[in-house]
Amino acid sequence: MLINGKKMKFQPNVTILEVLKELKLNPDVVVVEVNHEIISKEKHPSWILNEGDRVEIVSFIGGG
């Protein structure tokens, strides 16, 4: 699958939440889009990613 434009491999039937943990990203401060569809945080633990999916992960960074 492509994550932020980079080809990556994960185990079959991996969920969004598992990918975020593997990438050491805090699920509370990211937005995940799969194939041009924003996936709500409530669905991250159960949303299964597939081999050909295009995933974009955007992190929020505070500042001022």
C-alpha atoms as a PDB file:
ATOM      1  CA  MET A   1       0.000   0.000   0.000  1.00  0.00           C
ATOM      2  CA  LEU A   2       1.041   3.614  -0.394  1.00  0.00           C
ATOM      3  CA  ILE A   3       1.303   5.688   2.755  1.00  0.00           C
ATOM      4  CA  ASN A   4       1.911   9.385   2.148  1.00  0.00           C
ATOM      5  CA  GLY A   5       3.215   8.471  -1.308  1.00  0.00           C
ATOM      6  CA  LYS A   6       5.682   5.856   0.004  1.00  0.00           C
ATOM      7  CA  LYS A   7       5.231   2.134  -0.740  1.00  0.00           C
ATOM      8  CA  MET A   8       5.050   0.152   2.501  1.00  0.00           C
ATOM      9  CA  LYS A   9       4.251  -3.448   3.416  1.00  0.00           C
ATOM     10  CA  PHE A  10       2.275  -4.584   6.434  1.00  0.00           C
ATOM     11  CA  GLN A  11       0.790  -7.882   7.567  1.00  0.00           C
ATOM     12  CA  PRO A  12      -2.494  -8.914   5.924  1.00  0.00           C
ATOM     13  CA  ASN A  13      -5.691  -7.600   7.552  1.00  0.00           C
ATOM     14  CA  VAL A  14      -3.857  -4.751   9.272  1.00  0.00           C
ATOM     15  CA  THR A  15      -6.054  -2.004  10.727  1.00  0.00           C
ATOM     16  CA  ILE A  16      -5.499   1.740  10.560  1.00  0.00           C
ATOM     17  CA  LEU A  17      -4.808   1.787  14.301  1.00  0.00           C
ATOM     18  CA  GLU A  18      -2.147  -0.933  13.956  1.00  0.00           C
ATOM     19  CA  VAL A  19      -0.433   1.009  11.163  1.00  0.00           C
ATOM     20  CA  LEU A  20      -0.435   4.179  13.252  1.00  0.00           C
ATOM     21  CA  LYS A  21       1.135   2.293  16.176  1.00  0.00           C
ATOM     22  CA  GLU A  22       3.732   0.699  13.878  1.00  0.00           C
ATOM     23  CA  LEU A  23       4.643   4.155  12.544  1.00  0.00           C
ATOM     24  CA  LYS A  24       4.758   5.497  16.131  1.00  0.00           C
ATOM     25  CA  LEU A  25       2.055   8.072  15.434  1.00  0.00           C
ATOM     26  CA  ASN A  26      -0.387   9.292  18.064  1.00  0.00           C
ATOM     27  CA  PRO A  27      -3.893   8.364  16.825  1.00  0.00           C
ATOM     28  CA  ASP A  28      -5.352  11.335  18.722  1.00  0.00           C
ATOM     29  CA  VAL A  29      -3.547  13.936  16.625  1.00  0.00           C
ATOM     30  CA  VAL A  30      -3.795  12.553  13.075  1.00  0.00           C
ATOM     31  CA  VAL A  31      -6.357  12.448  10.300  1.00  0.00           C
ATOM     32  CA  VAL A  32      -6.320   9.366   8.070  1.00  0.00           C
ATOM     33  CA  GLU A  33      -7.598   9.311   4.515  1.00  0.00           C
ATOM     34  CA  VAL A  34      -7.947   6.015   2.621  1.00  0.00           C
ATOM     35  CA  ASN A  35      -8.531   6.193  -1.118  1.00  0.00           C
ATOM     36  CA  HIS A  36      -9.655   9.845  -0.867  1.00  0.00           C
ATOM     37  CA  GLU A  37     -12.089   9.158   2.014  1.00  0.00           C
ATOM     38  CA  ILE A  38     -11.466  10.529   5.512  1.00  0.00           C
ATOM     39  CA  ILE A  39     -11.903   7.741   8.044  1.00  0.00           C
ATOM     40  CA  SER A  40     -13.317   8.759  11.429  1.00  0.00           C
ATOM     41  CA  LYS A  41     -11.198   7.963  14.497  1.00  0.00           C
ATOM     42  CA  GLU A  42     -13.926   5.625  15.779  1.00  0.00           C
ATOM     43  CA  LYS A  43     -13.337   3.364  12.762  1.00  0.00           C
ATOM     44  CA  HIS A  44      -9.515   3.200  13.059  1.00  0.00           C
ATOM     45  CA  PRO A  45      -9.471   0.030  15.251  1.00  0.00           C
ATOM     46  CA  SER A  46     -11.721  -1.925  12.867  1.00  0.00           C
ATOM     47  CA  TRP A  47     -10.912  -0.489   9.401  1.00  0.00           C
ATOM     48  CA  ILE A  48      -8.911  -3.131   7.500  1.00  0.00           C
ATOM     49  CA  LEU A  49      -6.419  -1.800   4.968  1.00  0.00           C
ATOM     50  CA  ASN A  50      -5.870  -3.616   1.674  1.00  0.00           C
ATOM     51  CA  GLU A  51      -2.788  -4.126  -0.493  1.00  0.00           C
ATOM     52  CA  GLY A  52      -3.672  -1.466  -3.093  1.00  0.00           C
ATOM     53  CA  ASP A  53      -4.952   1.227  -0.719  1.00  0.00           C
ATOM     54  CA  ARG A  54      -3.641   4.772  -0.900  1.00  0.00           C
ATOM     55  CA  VAL A  55      -3.358   6.132   2.625  1.00  0.00           C
ATOM     56  CA  GLU A  56      -2.622   9.717   3.608  1.00  0.00           C
ATOM     57  CA  ILE A  57      -1.849  10.513   7.244  1.00  0.00           C
ATOM     58  CA  VAL A  58      -1.807  14.142   8.332  1.00  0.00           C
ATOM     59  CA  SER A  59      -0.543  15.166  11.782  1.00  0.00           C
ATOM     60  CA  PHE A  60      -1.670  18.278  13.611  1.00  0.00           C
ATOM     61  CA  ILE A  61       1.124  20.364  15.078  1.00  0.00           C
ATOM     62  CA  GLY A  62       0.368  23.153  17.509  1.00  0.00           C
ATOM     63  CA  GLY A  63       2.341  26.334  17.631  1.00  0.00           C
ATOM     64  CA  GLY A  64       2.100  30.004  17.770  1.00  0.00           C
END
